[in-house]
Amino acid sequence: MSCWRKEIQGLGRREDRDWQSVIGRRIFVFSRGKKHRELGLKLGAEWAGTIDQEPPVKIQSSIIFAPAGSMVPKAMGHLDKGGTLATAVLRIDQG
């Protein structure tokens, strides 16, 4: 059975409102904060971990809400072939 798999990175106050857009999907939450990972599970995520952990399956669509450019390569590593990565807010060091 095919099922859309979506990754949400940086779950927090603002992103809680976006949860409605993913109902009916398999959701995998990545957050450095334990409280936010627990919130993701409470809201119905199938799995929650940190960006350094591998999800149980490859991801088809990922949204990064956290403004950390260093997360991009890690999130791309979670993607399935042909997967999509969107960044909501991003700061990349010029240094």
PDB file of N, CA and C in Angstrom:
ATOM      1  N   MET A   1       0.841  -1.180   0.000  1.00  0.00           N
ATOM      2  CA  MET A   1       0.000   0.000   0.000  1.00  0.00           C
ATOM      3  C   MET A   1       0.885   1.241   0.000  1.00  0.00           C
ATOM      4  N   SER A   2       0.625   2.132  -0.912  1.00  0.00           N
ATOM      5  CA  SER A   2       1.383   3.375  -0.996  1.00  0.00           C
ATOM      6  C   SER A   2       0.796   4.396  -0.030  1.00  0.00           C
ATOM      7  N   CYS A   3       1.674   5.074   0.674  1.00  0.00           N
ATOM      8  CA  CYS A   3       1.222   6.085   1.629  1.00  0.00           C
ATOM      9  C   CYS A   3       2.203   7.233   1.603  1.00  0.00           C
ATOM     10  N   TRP A   4       1.721   8.444   1.539  1.00  0.00           N
ATOM     11  CA  TRP A   4       2.584   9.626   1.504  1.00  0.00           C
ATOM     12  C   TRP A   4       3.267   9.790   2.834  1.00  0.00           C
ATOM     13  N   ARG A   5       4.600   9.923   2.802  1.00  0.00           N
ATOM     14  CA  ARG A   5       5.396  10.086   4.014  1.00  0.00           C
ATOM     15  C   ARG A   5       5.955  11.496   4.045  1.00  0.00           C
ATOM     16  N   LYS A   6       5.684  12.205   5.126  1.00  0.00           N
ATOM     17  CA  LYS A   6       6.099  13.602   5.243  1.00  0.00           C
ATOM     18  C   LYS A   6       6.900  13.800   6.516  1.00  0.00           C
ATOM     19  N   GLU A   7       7.924  14.617   6.412  1.00  0.00           N
ATOM     20  CA  GLU A   7       8.808  14.915   7.529  1.00  0.00           C
ATOM     21  C   GLU A   7       8.613  16.375   7.919  1.00  0.00           C
ATOM     22  N   ILE A   8       8.505  16.627   9.209  1.00  0.00           N
ATOM     23  CA  ILE A   8       8.412  17.997   9.713  1.00  0.00           C
ATOM     24  C   ILE A   8       9.595  18.209  10.641  1.00  0.00           C
ATOM     25  N   GLN A   9      10.421  19.200  10.338  1.00  0.00           N
ATOM     26  CA  GLN A   9      11.588  19.478  11.159  1.00  0.00           C
ATOM     27  C   GLN A   9      11.413  20.812  11.851  1.00  0.00           C
ATOM     28  N   GLY A  10      11.679  20.836  13.155  1.00  0.00           N
ATOM     29  CA  GLY A  10      11.586  22.083  13.910  1.00  0.00           C
ATOM     30  C   GLY A  10      10.188  22.343  14.437  1.00  0.00           C
ATOM     31  N   LEU A  11       9.468  21.290  14.804  1.00  0.00           N
ATOM     32  CA  LEU A  11       8.112  21.454  15.318  1.00  0.00           C
ATOM     33  C   LEU A  11       8.128  22.340  16.559  1.00  0.00           C
ATOM     34  N   GLY A  12       7.276  23.348  16.564  1.00  0.00           N
ATOM     35  CA  GLY A  12       7.193  24.275  17.693  1.00  0.00           C
ATOM     36  C   GLY A  12       5.880  25.015  17.642  1.00  0.00           C
ATOM     37  N   ARG A  13       5.805  26.162  18.272  1.00  0.00           N
ATOM     38  CA  ARG A  13       4.549  26.913  18.372  1.00  0.00           C
ATOM     39  C   ARG A  13       3.919  27.221  17.016  1.00  0.00           C
ATOM     40  N   ARG A  14       4.671  27.838  16.133  1.00  0.00           N
ATOM     41  CA  ARG A  14       4.125  28.256  14.842  1.00  0.00           C
ATOM     42  C   ARG A  14       3.705  27.051  14.002  1.00  0.00           C
ATOM     43  N   GLU A  15       4.488  25.975  14.042  1.00  0.00           N
ATOM     44  CA  GLU A  15       4.228  24.827  13.197  1.00  0.00           C
ATOM     45  C   GLU A  15       3.022  24.015  13.653  1.00  0.00           C
ATOM     46  N   ASP A  16       2.633  24.147  14.919  1.00  0.00           N
ATOM     47  CA  ASP A  16       1.459  23.435  15.412  1.00  0.00           C
ATOM     48  C   ASP A  16       0.231  23.767  14.571  1.00  0.00           C
ATOM     49  N   ARG A  17       0.152  24.998  14.100  1.00  0.00           N
ATOM     50  CA  ARG A  17      -1.004  25.416  13.294  1.00  0.00           C
ATOM     51  C   ARG A  17      -1.003  24.761  11.922  1.00  0.00           C
ATOM     52  N   ASP A  18       0.175  24.350  11.440  1.00  0.00           N
ATOM     53  CA  ASP A  18       0.284  23.730  10.124  1.00  0.00           C
ATOM     54  C   ASP A  18      -0.046  22.245  10.147  1.00  0.00           C
ATOM     55  N   TRP A  19      -0.266  21.705  11.316  1.00  0.00           N
ATOM     56  CA  TRP A  19      -0.495  20.265  11.457  1.00  0.00           C
ATOM     57  C   TRP A  19      -1.717  19.809  10.661  1.00  0.00           C
ATOM     58  N   GLN A  20      -2.741  20.632  10.567  1.00  0.00           N
ATOM     59  CA  GLN A  20      -3.959  20.252   9.867  1.00  0.00           C
ATOM     60  C   GLN A  20      -3.705  19.901   8.401  1.00  0.00           C
ATOM     61  N   SER A  21      -2.660  20.467   7.800  1.00  0.00           N
ATOM     62  CA  SER A  21      -2.385  20.208   6.383  1.00  0.00           C
ATOM     63  C   SER A  21      -1.839  18.817   6.124  1.00  0.00           C
ATOM     64  N   VAL A  22      -1.497  18.085   7.166  1.00  0.00           N
ATOM     65  CA  VAL A  22      -0.889  16.778   6.965  1.00  0.00           C
ATOM     66  C   VAL A  22      -1.747  15.627   7.481  1.00  0.00           C
ATOM     67  N   ILE A  23      -2.971  15.893   7.857  1.00  0.00           N
ATOM     68  CA  ILE A  23      -3.850  14.836   8.341  1.00  0.00           C
ATOM     69  C   ILE A  23      -4.061  13.821   7.223  1.00  0.00           C
ATOM     70  N   GLY A  24      -3.988  12.554   7.576  1.00  0.00           N
ATOM     71  CA  GLY A  24      -4.138  11.484   6.599  1.00  0.00           C
ATOM     72  C   GLY A  24      -2.810  11.049   5.988  1.00  0.00           C
ATOM     73  N   ARG A  25      -1.713  11.611   6.440  1.00  0.00           N
ATOM     74  CA  ARG A  25      -0.380  11.275   5.954  1.00  0.00           C
ATOM     75  C   ARG A  25       0.411  10.576   7.059  1.00  0.00           C
ATOM     76  N   ARG A  26       1.443   9.861   6.677  1.00  0.00           N
ATOM     77  CA  ARG A  26       2.373   9.317   7.666  1.00  0.00           C
ATOM     78  C   ARG A  26       3.357  10.434   7.991  1.00  0.00           C
ATOM     79  N   ILE A  27       3.425  10.825   9.253  1.00  0.00           N
ATOM     80  CA  ILE A  27       4.234  11.973   9.663  1.00  0.00           C
ATOM     81  C   ILE A  27       5.405  11.518  10.524  1.00  0.00           C
ATOM     82  N   PHE A  28       6.575  12.111  10.229  1.00  0.00           N
ATOM     83  CA  PHE A  28       7.798  11.857  10.973  1.00  0.00           C
ATOM     84  C   PHE A  28       8.337  13.211  11.409  1.00  0.00           C
ATOM     85  N   VAL A  29       8.460  13.414  12.714  1.00  0.00           N
ATOM     86  CA  VAL A  29       8.865  14.704  13.273  1.00  0.00           C
ATOM     87  C   VAL A  29      10.325  14.654  13.715  1.00  0.00           C
ATOM     88  N   PHE A  30      11.069  15.686  13.342  1.00  0.00           N
ATOM     89  CA  PHE A  30      12.446  15.853  13.794  1.00  0.00           C
ATOM     90  C   PHE A  30      12.524  17.159  14.567  1.00  0.00           C
ATOM     91  N   SER A  31      13.019  17.090  15.798  1.00  0.00           N
ATOM     92  CA  SER A  31      13.190  18.288  16.609  1.00  0.00           C
ATOM     93  C   SER A  31      14.274  18.022  17.632  1.00  0.00           C
ATOM     94  N   ARG A  32      15.055  19.054  17.951  1.00  0.00           N
ATOM     95  CA  ARG A  32      16.077  18.850  18.981  1.00  0.00           C
ATOM     96  C   ARG A  32      15.464  18.825  20.370  1.00  0.00           C
ATOM     97  N   GLY A  33      14.274  19.420  20.527  1.00  0.00           N
ATOM     98  CA  GLY A  33      13.630  19.492  21.831  1.00  0.00           C
ATOM     99  C   GLY A  33      12.733  18.294  22.116  1.00  0.00           C
ATOM    100  N   LYS A  34      12.977  17.652  23.257  1.00  0.00           N
ATOM    101  CA  LYS A  34      12.179  16.493  23.647  1.00  0.00           C
ATOM    102  C   LYS A  34      10.695  16.852  23.744  1.00  0.00           C
ATOM    103  N   LYS A  35      10.405  18.034  24.281  1.00  0.00           N
ATOM    104  CA  LYS A  35       9.015  18.476  24.433  1.00  0.00           C
ATOM    105  C   LYS A  35       8.308  18.552  23.070  1.00  0.00           C
ATOM    106  N   HIS A  36       9.012  19.039  22.066  1.00  0.00           N
ATOM    107  CA  HIS A  36       8.418  19.152  20.732  1.00  0.00           C
ATOM    108  C   HIS A  36       8.272  17.790  20.059  1.00  0.00           C
ATOM    109  N   ARG A  37       9.215  16.881  20.302  1.00  0.00           N
ATOM    110  CA  ARG A  37       9.069  15.525  19.763  1.00  0.00           C
ATOM    111  C   ARG A  37       7.863  14.841  20.392  1.00  0.00           C
ATOM    112  N   GLU A  38       7.697  15.022  21.699  1.00  0.00           N
ATOM    113  CA  GLU A  38       6.539  14.438  22.390  1.00  0.00           C
ATOM    114  C   GLU A  38       5.242  15.033  21.865  1.00  0.00           C
ATOM    115  N   LEU A  39       5.245  16.349  21.584  1.00  0.00           N
ATOM    116  CA  LEU A  39       4.062  16.991  21.023  1.00  0.00           C
ATOM    117  C   LEU A  39       3.724  16.379  19.662  1.00  0.00           C
ATOM    118  N   GLY A  40       4.736  16.179  18.831  1.00  0.00           N
ATOM    119  CA  GLY A  40       4.501  15.562  17.531  1.00  0.00           C
ATOM    120  C   GLY A  40       3.843  14.197  17.652  1.00  0.00           C
ATOM    121  N   LEU A  41       4.332  13.390  18.568  1.00  0.00           N
ATOM    122  CA  LEU A  41       3.727  12.065  18.786  1.00  0.00           C
ATOM    123  C   LEU A  41       2.301  12.191  19.300  1.00  0.00           C
ATOM    124  N   LYS A  42       2.086  13.138  20.197  1.00  0.00           N
ATOM    125  CA  LYS A  42       0.739  13.357  20.745  1.00  0.00           C
ATOM    126  C   LYS A  42      -0.243  13.778  19.643  1.00  0.00           C
ATOM    127  N   LEU A  43       0.260  14.563  18.679  1.00  0.00           N
ATOM    128  CA  LEU A  43      -0.586  15.020  17.579  1.00  0.00           C
ATOM    129  C   LEU A  43      -0.777  13.954  16.499  1.00  0.00           C
ATOM    130  N   GLY A  44      -0.085  12.828  16.640  1.00  0.00           N
ATOM    131  CA  GLY A  44      -0.318  11.724  15.714  1.00  0.00           C
ATOM    132  C   GLY A  44       0.841  11.329  14.817  1.00  0.00           C
ATOM    133  N   ALA A  45       2.025  11.891  15.053  1.00  0.00           N
ATOM    134  CA  ALA A  45       3.181  11.488  14.255  1.00  0.00           C
ATOM    135  C   ALA A  45       3.472  10.008  14.500  1.00  0.00           C
ATOM    136  N   GLU A  46       3.922   9.345  13.470  1.00  0.00           N
ATOM    137  CA  GLU A  46       4.273   7.930  13.574  1.00  0.00           C
ATOM    138  C   GLU A  46       5.617   7.734  14.281  1.00  0.00           C
ATOM    139  N   TRP A  47       6.505   8.715  14.143  1.00  0.00           N
ATOM    140  CA  TRP A  47       7.856   8.627  14.696  1.00  0.00           C
ATOM    141  C   TRP A  47       8.350  10.029  15.005  1.00  0.00           C
ATOM    142  N   ALA A  48       9.198  10.170  16.012  1.00  0.00           N
ATOM    143  CA  ALA A  48       9.812  11.458  16.335  1.00  0.00           C
ATOM    144  C   ALA A  48      11.241  11.214  16.791  1.00  0.00           C
ATOM    145  N   GLY A  49      12.156  12.037  16.304  1.00  0.00           N
ATOM    146  CA  GLY A  49      13.556  11.902  16.682  1.00  0.00           C
ATOM    147  C   GLY A  49      14.291  13.201  16.427  1.00  0.00           C
ATOM    148  N   THR A  50      15.622  13.153  16.521  1.00  0.00           N
ATOM    149  CA  THR A  50      16.444  14.321  16.224  1.00  0.00           C
ATOM    150  C   THR A  50      16.918  14.244  14.781  1.00  0.00           C
ATOM    151  N   ILE A  51      17.436  15.344  14.248  1.00  0.00           N
ATOM    152  CA  ILE A  51      17.891  15.405  12.862  1.00  0.00           C
ATOM    153  C   ILE A  51      19.009  14.403  12.593  1.00  0.00           C
ATOM    154  N   ASP A  52      19.753  14.033  13.626  1.00  0.00           N
ATOM    155  CA  ASP A  52      20.859  13.091  13.456  1.00  0.00           C
ATOM    156  C   ASP A  52      20.410  11.634  13.434  1.00  0.00           C
ATOM    157  N   GLN A  53      19.145  11.390  13.717  1.00  0.00           N
ATOM    158  CA  GLN A  53      18.618  10.026  13.697  1.00  0.00           C
ATOM    159  C   GLN A  53      18.013   9.725  12.330  1.00  0.00           C
ATOM    160  N   GLU A  54      18.089   8.464  11.926  1.00  0.00           N
ATOM    161  CA  GLU A  54      17.476   8.029  10.676  1.00  0.00           C
ATOM    162  C   GLU A  54      16.019   7.659  10.930  1.00  0.00           C
ATOM    163  N   PRO A  55      15.096   8.152  10.097  1.00  0.00           N
ATOM    164  CA  PRO A  55      13.699   7.733  10.242  1.00  0.00           C
ATOM    165  C   PRO A  55      13.561   6.276   9.823  1.00  0.00           C
ATOM    166  N   PRO A  56      12.488   5.611  10.226  1.00  0.00           N
ATOM    167  CA  PRO A  56      12.318   4.191   9.903  1.00  0.00           C
ATOM    168  C   PRO A  56      12.108   3.915   8.410  1.00  0.00           C
ATOM    169  N   VAL A  57      11.725   4.926   7.646  1.00  0.00           N
ATOM    170  CA  VAL A  57      11.539   4.794   6.194  1.00  0.00           C
ATOM    171  C   VAL A  57      12.088   6.054   5.530  1.00  0.00           C
ATOM    172  N   LYS A  58      12.360   5.974   4.230  1.00  0.00           N
ATOM    173  CA  LYS A  58      12.759   7.155   3.476  1.00  0.00           C
ATOM    174  C   LYS A  58      11.551   8.081   3.344  1.00  0.00           C
ATOM    175  N   ILE A  59      11.802   9.384   3.325  1.00  0.00           N
ATOM    176  CA  ILE A  59      10.759  10.403   3.346  1.00  0.00           C
ATOM    177  C   ILE A  59      10.483  10.906   1.927  1.00  0.00           C
ATOM    178  N   GLN A  60       9.218  11.148   1.611  1.00  0.00           N
ATOM    179  CA  GLN A  60       8.845  11.653   0.290  1.00  0.00           C
ATOM    180  C   GLN A  60       8.804  13.176   0.238  1.00  0.00           C
ATOM    181  N   SER A  61       8.459  13.803   1.345  1.00  0.00           N
ATOM    182  CA  SER A  61       8.319  15.258   1.379  1.00  0.00           C
ATOM    183  C   SER A  61       8.742  15.760   2.747  1.00  0.00           C
ATOM    184  N   SER A  62       9.582  16.791   2.767  1.00  0.00           N
ATOM    185  CA  SER A  62      10.105  17.300   4.024  1.00  0.00           C
ATOM    186  C   SER A  62       9.995  18.816   4.062  1.00  0.00           C
ATOM    187  N   ILE A  63       9.629  19.343   5.231  1.00  0.00           N
ATOM    188  CA  ILE A  63       9.578  20.788   5.450  1.00  0.00           C
ATOM    189  C   ILE A  63      10.496  21.111   6.629  1.00  0.00           C
ATOM    190  N   ILE A  64      11.417  22.041   6.424  1.00  0.00           N
ATOM    191  CA  ILE A  64      12.264  22.505   7.524  1.00  0.00           C
ATOM    192  C   ILE A  64      11.741  23.864   7.973  1.00  0.00           C
ATOM    193  N   PHE A  65      11.274  23.939   9.225  1.00  0.00           N
ATOM    194  CA  PHE A  65      10.825  25.203   9.801  1.00  0.00           C
ATOM    195  C   PHE A  65      11.955  25.887  10.558  1.00  0.00           C
ATOM    196  N   ALA A  66      12.912  25.108  11.056  1.00  0.00           N
ATOM    197  CA  ALA A  66      14.022  25.665  11.818  1.00  0.00           C
ATOM    198  C   ALA A  66      14.937  26.463  10.885  1.00  0.00           C
ATOM    199  N   PRO A  67      15.419  27.621  11.316  1.00  0.00           N
ATOM    200  CA  PRO A  67      16.235  28.482  10.450  1.00  0.00           C
ATOM    201  C   PRO A  67      17.710  28.083  10.440  1.00  0.00           C
ATOM    202  N   ALA A  68      18.007  26.814  10.258  1.00  0.00           N
ATOM    203  CA  ALA A  68      19.383  26.333  10.317  1.00  0.00           C
ATOM    204  C   ALA A  68      19.772  25.667   9.003  1.00  0.00           C
ATOM    205  N   GLY A  69      20.639  26.336   8.247  1.00  0.00           N
ATOM    206  CA  GLY A  69      21.078  25.808   6.966  1.00  0.00           C
ATOM    207  C   GLY A  69      21.808  24.480   7.080  1.00  0.00           C
ATOM    208  N   SER A  70      22.405  24.218   8.241  1.00  0.00           N
ATOM    209  CA  SER A  70      23.134  22.965   8.434  1.00  0.00           C
ATOM    210  C   SER A  70      22.218  21.741   8.407  1.00  0.00           C
ATOM    211  N   MET A  71      20.912  21.955   8.556  1.00  0.00           N
ATOM    212  CA  MET A  71      19.967  20.843   8.542  1.00  0.00           C
ATOM    213  C   MET A  71      19.680  20.345   7.126  1.00  0.00           C
ATOM    214  N   VAL A  72      19.920  21.171   6.122  1.00  0.00           N
ATOM    215  CA  VAL A  72      19.554  20.822   4.748  1.00  0.00           C
ATOM    216  C   VAL A  72      20.212  19.528   4.277  1.00  0.00           C
ATOM    217  N   PRO A  73      21.539  19.369   4.376  1.00  0.00           N
ATOM    218  CA  PRO A  73      22.138  18.115   3.908  1.00  0.00           C
ATOM    219  C   PRO A  73      21.618  16.882   4.656  1.00  0.00           C
ATOM    220  N   LYS A  74      21.384  17.034   5.955  1.00  0.00           N
ATOM    221  CA  LYS A  74      20.867  15.914   6.740  1.00  0.00           C
ATOM    222  C   LYS A  74      19.454  15.555   6.297  1.00  0.00           C
ATOM    223  N   ALA A  75      18.609  16.574   6.092  1.00  0.00           N
ATOM    224  CA  ALA A  75      17.232  16.330   5.642  1.00  0.00           C
ATOM    225  C   ALA A  75      17.225  15.697   4.252  1.00  0.00           C
ATOM    226  N   MET A  76      18.129  16.136   3.386  1.00  0.00           N
ATOM    227  CA  MET A  76      18.207  15.546   2.044  1.00  0.00           C
ATOM    228  C   MET A  76      18.582  14.070   2.120  1.00  0.00           C
ATOM    229  N   GLY A  77      19.380  13.722   3.119  1.00  0.00           N
ATOM    230  CA  GLY A  77      19.745  12.322   3.316  1.00  0.00           C
ATOM    231  C   GLY A  77      18.575  11.447   3.735  1.00  0.00           C
ATOM    232  N   HIS A  78      17.536  12.042   4.284  1.00  0.00           N
ATOM    233  CA  HIS A  78      16.346  11.294   4.701  1.00  0.00           C
ATOM    234  C   HIS A  78      15.382  11.054   3.542  1.00  0.00           C
ATOM    235  N   LEU A  79      15.570  11.802   2.440  1.00  0.00           N
ATOM    236  CA  LEU A  79      14.604  11.749   1.339  1.00  0.00           C
ATOM    237  C   LEU A  79      14.708  10.479   0.503  1.00  0.00           C
ATOM    238  N   ASP A  80      13.555  10.027   0.051  1.00  0.00           N
ATOM    239  CA  ASP A  80      13.452   8.946  -0.920  1.00  0.00           C
ATOM    240  C   ASP A  80      13.830   9.504  -2.288  1.00  0.00           C
ATOM    241  N   LYS A  81      14.153   8.654  -3.230  1.00  0.00           N
ATOM    242  CA  LYS A  81      14.469   9.093  -4.584  1.00  0.00           C
ATOM    243  C   LYS A  81      13.297   9.902  -5.138  1.00  0.00           C
ATOM    244  N   GLY A  82      13.592  11.105  -5.640  1.00  0.00           N
ATOM    245  CA  GLY A  82      12.542  11.976  -6.171  1.00  0.00           C
ATOM    246  C   GLY A  82      11.814  12.774  -5.105  1.00  0.00           C
ATOM    247  N   GLY A  83      12.257  12.692  -3.838  1.00  0.00           N
ATOM    248  CA  GLY A  83      11.606  13.407  -2.739  1.00  0.00           C
ATOM    249  C   GLY A  83      11.802  14.914  -2.827  1.00  0.00           C
ATOM    250  N   THR A  84      10.985  15.643  -2.069  1.00  0.00           N
ATOM    251  CA  THR A  84      10.986  17.105  -2.091  1.00  0.00           C
ATOM    252  C   THR A  84      11.344  17.651  -0.716  1.00  0.00           C
ATOM    253  N   LEU A  85      12.197  18.678  -0.705  1.00  0.00           N
ATOM    254  CA  LEU A  85      12.563  19.361   0.536  1.00  0.00           C
ATOM    255  C   LEU A  85      12.200  20.832   0.402  1.00  0.00           C
ATOM    256  N   ALA A  86      11.402  21.338   1.328  1.00  0.00           N
ATOM    257  CA  ALA A  86      11.033  22.756   1.350  1.00  0.00           C
ATOM    258  C   ALA A  86      11.599  23.375   2.620  1.00  0.00           C
ATOM    259  N   THR A  87      12.076  24.606   2.497  1.00  0.00           N
ATOM    260  CA  THR A  87      12.566  25.323   3.674  1.00  0.00           C
ATOM    261  C   THR A  87      11.689  26.553   3.896  1.00  0.00           C
ATOM    262  N   ALA A  88      11.162  26.683   5.103  1.00  0.00           N
ATOM    263  CA  ALA A  88      10.279  27.802   5.412  1.00  0.00           C
ATOM    264  C   ALA A  88      11.081  29.069   5.706  1.00  0.00           C
ATOM    265  N   VAL A  89      12.049  28.973   6.577  1.00  0.00           N
ATOM    266  CA  VAL A  89      12.918  30.093   6.963  1.00  0.00           C
ATOM    267  C   VAL A  89      14.311  29.513   7.055  1.00  0.00           C
ATOM    268  N   LEU A  90      15.276  30.164   6.455  1.00  0.00           N
ATOM    269  CA  LEU A  90      16.607  29.594   6.433  1.00  0.00           C
ATOM    270  C   LEU A  90      17.665  30.666   6.564  1.00  0.00           C
ATOM    271  N   ARG A  91      18.621  30.454   7.451  1.00  0.00           N
ATOM    272  CA  ARG A  91      19.794  31.320   7.562  1.00  0.00           C
ATOM    273  C   ARG A  91      21.005  30.471   7.232  1.00  0.00           C
ATOM    274  N   ILE A  92      21.809  30.950   6.318  1.00  0.00           N
ATOM    275  CA  ILE A  92      23.030  30.253   5.957  1.00  0.00           C
ATOM    276  C   ILE A  92      24.200  31.169   6.273  1.00  0.00           C
ATOM    277  N   ASP A  93      25.149  30.652   7.048  1.00  0.00           N
ATOM    278  CA  ASP A  93      26.323  31.443   7.404  1.00  0.00           C
ATOM    279  C   ASP A  93      27.134  31.785   6.167  1.00  0.00           C
ATOM    280  N   GLN A  94      27.560  33.025   6.080  1.00  0.00           N
ATOM    281  CA  GLN A  94      28.374  33.479   4.956  1.00  0.00           C
ATOM    282  C   GLN A  94      29.861  33.249   5.226  1.00  0.00           C
ATOM    283  N   GLY A  95      30.196  32.885   6.481  1.00  0.00           N
ATOM    284  CA  GLY A  95      31.579  32.752   6.926  1.00  0.00           C
ATOM    285  C   GLY A  95      32.267  31.642   6.311  1.00  0.00           C
TER     286      GLY A  95
END
